[in-house]
């Protein structure tokens, strides 16, 4: 691929990213205004999931454009496919862990697993965390994800459901 084509492709990707960001801000502002006035109850967890999904969708679009632009035997193609597979795996792990933690008695939970690190953030809907609840969450991650306590941060976030 010539340098001119590469520059044109990268410029197009940057332009698409900028347009996506603008639409995201415009639509997010519209939703927030409606939530304040209307009957929609938007809490921390709903907002967290919406932002996480929007960010990942943008990343998928970028990866898909790389996958489409390069030949299947190129290093760029392989890296983009591997990154996309890793993101899907992380998304599945987050969904499973959110479900498991809900079964521990929390009304809502959001889990964020780092793509490039072993750090895990857990946001649970509660006024306060008891030592027993913390141990249950750590145990669930240890059994399900083979992750030790040092990589998990659990934060209480009270949001009316």
C-alpha atoms as a PDB file:
ATOM      1  CA  UNK A   1       0.000   0.000   0.000  1.00  0.00           C
ATOM      2  CA  UNK A   2       1.462   3.367  -0.981  1.00  0.00           C
ATOM      3  CA  UNK A   3       2.080   6.170   1.478  1.00  0.00           C
ATOM      4  CA  UNK A   4      -0.625   8.290  -0.148  1.00  0.00           C
ATOM      5  CA  UNK A   5      -3.210   5.570   0.387  1.00  0.00           C
ATOM      6  CA  UNK A   6      -2.083   5.081   3.990  1.00  0.00           C
ATOM      7  CA  UNK A   7      -2.333   8.795   4.701  1.00  0.00           C
ATOM      8  CA  UNK A   8      -5.773   8.958   3.078  1.00  0.00           C
ATOM      9  CA  UNK A   9      -6.952   5.941   5.079  1.00  0.00           C
ATOM     10  CA  UNK A  10      -5.652   7.315   8.384  1.00  0.00           C
ATOM     11  CA  UNK A  11      -7.147  10.754   7.654  1.00  0.00           C
ATOM     12  CA  UNK A  12     -10.494   9.143   6.942  1.00  0.00           C
ATOM     13  CA  UNK A  13     -10.330   7.144  10.183  1.00  0.00           C
ATOM     14  CA  UNK A  14      -9.499  10.266  12.202  1.00  0.00           C
ATOM     15  CA  UNK A  15     -12.362  12.130  10.542  1.00  0.00           C
ATOM     16  CA  UNK A  16     -14.788   9.278  11.309  1.00  0.00           C
ATOM     17  CA  UNK A  17     -13.608   9.225  14.917  1.00  0.00           C
ATOM     18  CA  UNK A  18     -14.177  12.982  15.220  1.00  0.00           C
ATOM     19  CA  UNK A  19     -17.668  12.724  13.713  1.00  0.00           C
ATOM     20  CA  UNK A  20     -18.500   9.826  16.048  1.00  0.00           C
ATOM     21  CA  UNK A  21     -17.297  11.805  19.066  1.00  0.00           C
ATOM     22  CA  UNK A  22     -19.416  14.806  18.062  1.00  0.00           C
ATOM     23  CA  UNK A  23     -22.523  12.644  17.643  1.00  0.00           C
ATOM     24  CA  UNK A  24     -21.796  10.976  20.969  1.00  0.00           C
ATOM     25  CA  UNK A  25     -21.643  14.324  22.790  1.00  0.00           C
ATOM     26  CA  UNK A  26     -24.735  15.643  21.044  1.00  0.00           C
ATOM     27  CA  UNK A  27     -26.781  12.517  21.750  1.00  0.00           C
ATOM     28  CA  UNK A  28     -25.474  12.210  25.320  1.00  0.00           C
ATOM     29  CA  UNK A  29     -26.487  15.833  25.961  1.00  0.00           C
ATOM     30  CA  UNK A  30     -29.928  15.156  24.534  1.00  0.00           C
ATOM     31  CA  UNK A  31     -30.414  12.086  26.695  1.00  0.00           C
ATOM     32  CA  UNK A  32     -29.281  13.888  29.855  1.00  0.00           C
ATOM     33  CA  UNK A  33     -31.653  16.775  29.237  1.00  0.00           C
ATOM     34  CA  UNK A  34     -34.550  14.387  28.694  1.00  0.00           C
ATOM     35  CA  UNK A  35     -33.672  12.402  31.798  1.00  0.00           C
ATOM     36  CA  UNK A  36     -33.759  15.535  33.947  1.00  0.00           C
ATOM     37  CA  UNK A  37     -37.141  16.632  32.636  1.00  0.00           C
ATOM     38  CA  UNK A  38     -38.853  13.372  31.768  1.00  0.00           C
ATOM     39  CA  UNK A  39     -39.718  10.235  33.638  1.00  0.00           C
ATOM     40  CA  UNK A  40     -36.612   8.307  32.622  1.00  0.00           C
ATOM     41  CA  UNK A  41     -34.565   7.258  35.650  1.00  0.00           C
ATOM     42  CA  UNK A  42     -30.923   7.322  34.617  1.00  0.00           C
ATOM     43  CA  UNK A  43     -28.568   6.179  37.320  1.00  0.00           C
ATOM     44  CA  UNK A  44     -24.831   5.663  37.581  1.00  0.00           C
ATOM     45  CA  UNK A  45     -24.928   2.076  36.340  1.00  0.00           C
ATOM     46  CA  UNK A  46     -27.045   2.831  33.272  1.00  0.00           C
ATOM     47  CA  UNK A  47     -24.754   5.710  32.340  1.00  0.00           C
ATOM     48  CA  UNK A  48     -21.633   3.621  32.972  1.00  0.00           C
ATOM     49  CA  UNK A  49     -22.853   0.818  30.708  1.00  0.00           C
ATOM     50  CA  UNK A  50     -23.945   3.239  27.972  1.00  0.00           C
ATOM     51  CA  UNK A  51     -20.554   4.978  27.984  1.00  0.00           C
ATOM     52  CA  UNK A  52     -18.705   1.656  28.023  1.00  0.00           C
ATOM     53  CA  UNK A  53     -20.761   0.384  25.079  1.00  0.00           C
ATOM     54  CA  UNK A  54     -20.280   3.599  23.074  1.00  0.00           C
ATOM     55  CA  UNK A  55     -16.530   3.542  23.619  1.00  0.00           C
ATOM     56  CA  UNK A  56     -16.265  -0.096  22.628  1.00  0.00           C
ATOM     57  CA  UNK A  57     -18.405   0.435  19.550  1.00  0.00           C
ATOM     58  CA  UNK A  58     -15.996   3.147  18.417  1.00  0.00           C
ATOM     59  CA  UNK A  59     -13.064   0.801  19.026  1.00  0.00           C
ATOM     60  CA  UNK A  60     -14.787  -1.960  17.042  1.00  0.00           C
ATOM     61  CA  UNK A  61     -15.388   0.424  14.127  1.00  0.00           C
ATOM     62  CA  UNK A  62     -11.704   1.358  14.113  1.00  0.00           C
ATOM     63  CA  UNK A  63     -10.601  -2.278  14.281  1.00  0.00           C
ATOM     64  CA  UNK A  64     -13.058  -3.262  11.546  1.00  0.00           C
ATOM     65  CA  UNK A  65     -11.683  -0.544   9.270  1.00  0.00           C
ATOM     66  CA  UNK A  66      -8.146  -1.810   9.859  1.00  0.00           C
ATOM     67  CA  UNK A  67      -9.252  -5.379   9.188  1.00  0.00           C
ATOM     68  CA  UNK A  68     -10.936  -4.291   5.949  1.00  0.00           C
ATOM     69  CA  UNK A  69      -7.965  -2.209   4.805  1.00  0.00           C
ATOM     70  CA  UNK A  70      -5.183  -4.769   5.144  1.00  0.00           C
ATOM     71  CA  UNK A  71      -4.551  -8.149   3.581  1.00  0.00           C
ATOM     72  CA  UNK A  72      -5.271 -11.177   5.749  1.00  0.00           C
ATOM     73  CA  UNK A  73      -1.606 -12.140   5.893  1.00  0.00           C
ATOM     74  CA  UNK A  74      -0.385  -8.742   7.161  1.00  0.00           C
ATOM     75  CA  UNK A  75       0.729  -8.061  10.719  1.00  0.00           C
ATOM     76  CA  UNK A  76      -1.750  -5.170  11.059  1.00  0.00           C
ATOM     77  CA  UNK A  77      -4.635  -7.440  10.128  1.00  0.00           C
ATOM     78  CA  UNK A  78      -3.589 -10.112  12.630  1.00  0.00           C
ATOM     79  CA  UNK A  79      -3.103  -7.553  15.425  1.00  0.00           C
ATOM     80  CA  UNK A  80      -6.521  -5.989  14.794  1.00  0.00           C
ATOM     81  CA  UNK A  81      -8.231  -9.397  14.794  1.00  0.00           C
ATOM     82  CA  UNK A  82      -6.439 -10.408  18.012  1.00  0.00           C
ATOM     83  CA  UNK A  83      -7.397  -7.119  19.699  1.00  0.00           C
ATOM     84  CA  UNK A  84     -11.024  -7.545  18.631  1.00  0.00           C
ATOM     85  CA  UNK A  85     -11.099 -11.100  19.984  1.00  0.00           C
ATOM     86  CA  UNK A  86      -9.570  -9.920  23.257  1.00  0.00           C
ATOM     87  CA  UNK A  87     -12.212  -7.195  23.573  1.00  0.00           C
ATOM     88  CA  UNK A  88     -15.031  -9.694  22.990  1.00  0.00           C
ATOM     89  CA  UNK A  89     -13.539 -12.000  25.625  1.00  0.00           C
ATOM     90  CA  UNK A  90     -13.295  -9.150  28.146  1.00  0.00           C
ATOM     91  CA  UNK A  91     -16.903  -8.166  27.434  1.00  0.00           C
ATOM     92  CA  UNK A  92     -18.074 -11.728  28.064  1.00  0.00           C
ATOM     93  CA  UNK A  93     -16.080 -11.906  31.315  1.00  0.00           C
ATOM     94  CA  UNK A  94     -17.572  -8.615  32.519  1.00  0.00           C
ATOM     95  CA  UNK A  95     -21.098  -9.790  31.756  1.00  0.00           C
ATOM     96  CA  UNK A  96     -20.581 -13.096  33.567  1.00  0.00           C
ATOM     97  CA  UNK A  97     -19.070 -11.419  36.616  1.00  0.00           C
ATOM     98  CA  UNK A  98     -21.834  -8.808  36.767  1.00  0.00           C
ATOM     99  CA  UNK A  99     -24.412 -11.612  36.770  1.00  0.00           C
ATOM    100  CA  UNK A 100     -22.582 -13.567  39.459  1.00  0.00           C
ATOM    101  CA  UNK A 101     -22.201 -10.522  41.709  1.00  0.00           C
ATOM    102  CA  UNK A 102     -25.907  -9.673  41.310  1.00  0.00           C
ATOM    103  CA  UNK A 103     -26.708 -13.137  42.628  1.00  0.00           C
ATOM    104  CA  UNK A 104     -24.809 -12.204  45.802  1.00  0.00           C
ATOM    105  CA  UNK A 105     -27.634  -9.801  46.635  1.00  0.00           C
ATOM    106  CA  UNK A 106     -26.684  -6.511  44.994  1.00  0.00           C
ATOM    107  CA  UNK A 107     -29.407  -4.753  43.017  1.00  0.00           C
ATOM    108  CA  UNK A 108     -26.936  -3.523  40.397  1.00  0.00           C
ATOM    109  CA  UNK A 109     -23.266  -3.875  39.565  1.00  0.00           C
ATOM    110  CA  UNK A 110     -20.828  -2.777  36.887  1.00  0.00           C
ATOM    111  CA  UNK A 111     -17.539  -4.546  36.233  1.00  0.00           C
ATOM    112  CA  UNK A 112     -14.691  -3.072  34.221  1.00  0.00           C
ATOM    113  CA  UNK A 113     -11.837  -5.385  33.272  1.00  0.00           C
ATOM    114  CA  UNK A 114      -8.730  -3.770  31.812  1.00  0.00           C
ATOM    115  CA  UNK A 115      -7.792  -4.841  28.295  1.00  0.00           C
ATOM    116  CA  UNK A 116      -4.073  -4.386  28.763  1.00  0.00           C
ATOM    117  CA  UNK A 117      -3.795  -4.966  32.488  1.00  0.00           C
ATOM    118  CA  UNK A 118      -5.011  -7.343  35.148  1.00  0.00           C
ATOM    119  CA  UNK A 119      -6.868  -4.571  36.968  1.00  0.00           C
ATOM    120  CA  UNK A 120     -10.551  -5.035  37.647  1.00  0.00           C
ATOM    121  CA  UNK A 121     -12.911  -2.360  38.950  1.00  0.00           C
ATOM    122  CA  UNK A 122     -16.180  -3.438  40.524  1.00  0.00           C
ATOM    123  CA  UNK A 123     -18.900  -0.866  41.240  1.00  0.00           C
ATOM    124  CA  UNK A 124     -21.717  -2.225  43.404  1.00  0.00           C
ATOM    125  CA  UNK A 125     -25.009  -0.548  44.246  1.00  0.00           C
ATOM    126  CA  UNK A 126     -24.874  -0.293  48.021  1.00  0.00           C
ATOM    127  CA  UNK A 127     -24.501   2.271  50.779  1.00  0.00           C
ATOM    128  CA  UNK A 128     -21.682   0.346  52.386  1.00  0.00           C
ATOM    129  CA  UNK A 129     -19.750  -2.844  51.850  1.00  0.00           C
ATOM    130  CA  UNK A 130     -19.413  -5.398  54.589  1.00  0.00           C
ATOM    131  CA  UNK A 131     -16.316  -7.526  54.949  1.00  0.00           C
ATOM    132  CA  UNK A 132     -18.457 -10.563  54.135  1.00  0.00           C
ATOM    133  CA  UNK A 133     -19.641  -9.030  50.829  1.00  0.00           C
ATOM    134  CA  UNK A 134     -16.102  -8.048  49.872  1.00  0.00           C
ATOM    135  CA  UNK A 135     -14.875 -11.576  50.525  1.00  0.00           C
ATOM    136  CA  UNK A 136     -17.719 -13.042  48.457  1.00  0.00           C
ATOM    137  CA  UNK A 137     -16.855 -10.797  45.503  1.00  0.00           C
ATOM    138  CA  UNK A 138     -13.143 -11.625  45.773  1.00  0.00           C
ATOM    139  CA  UNK A 139     -13.963 -15.321  45.968  1.00  0.00           C
ATOM    140  CA  UNK A 140     -16.186 -15.110  42.872  1.00  0.00           C
ATOM    141  CA  UNK A 141     -13.344 -13.518  40.890  1.00  0.00           C
ATOM    142  CA  UNK A 142     -10.828 -16.003  42.204  1.00  0.00           C
ATOM    143  CA  UNK A 143     -12.972 -18.988  41.214  1.00  0.00           C
ATOM    144  CA  UNK A 144     -14.407 -17.671  37.935  1.00  0.00           C
ATOM    145  CA  UNK A 145     -11.517 -15.567  36.586  1.00  0.00           C
ATOM    146  CA  UNK A 146      -8.462 -16.917  38.478  1.00  0.00           C
ATOM    147  CA  UNK A 147      -7.717 -13.382  39.685  1.00  0.00           C
ATOM    148  CA  UNK A 148      -6.191 -12.593  43.055  1.00  0.00           C
ATOM    149  CA  UNK A 149      -7.365  -9.865  45.444  1.00  0.00           C
ATOM    150  CA  UNK A 150      -4.549  -7.420  44.631  1.00  0.00           C
ATOM    151  CA  UNK A 151      -5.950  -6.710  41.169  1.00  0.00           C
ATOM    152  CA  UNK A 152      -9.550  -6.047  42.210  1.00  0.00           C
ATOM    153  CA  UNK A 153     -10.904  -2.715  43.416  1.00  0.00           C
ATOM    154  CA  UNK A 154     -14.442  -2.771  44.806  1.00  0.00           C
ATOM    155  CA  UNK A 155     -16.280   0.521  45.177  1.00  0.00           C
ATOM    156  CA  UNK A 156     -19.728   1.130  46.620  1.00  0.00           C
ATOM    157  CA  UNK A 157     -21.884   3.451  44.540  1.00  0.00           C
ATOM    158  CA  UNK A 158     -25.365   4.080  45.822  1.00  0.00           C
ATOM    159  CA  UNK A 159     -27.841   4.672  43.025  1.00  0.00           C
ATOM    160  CA  UNK A 160     -31.574   4.339  43.528  1.00  0.00           C
ATOM    161  CA  UNK A 161     -32.942   1.584  41.320  1.00  0.00           C
END
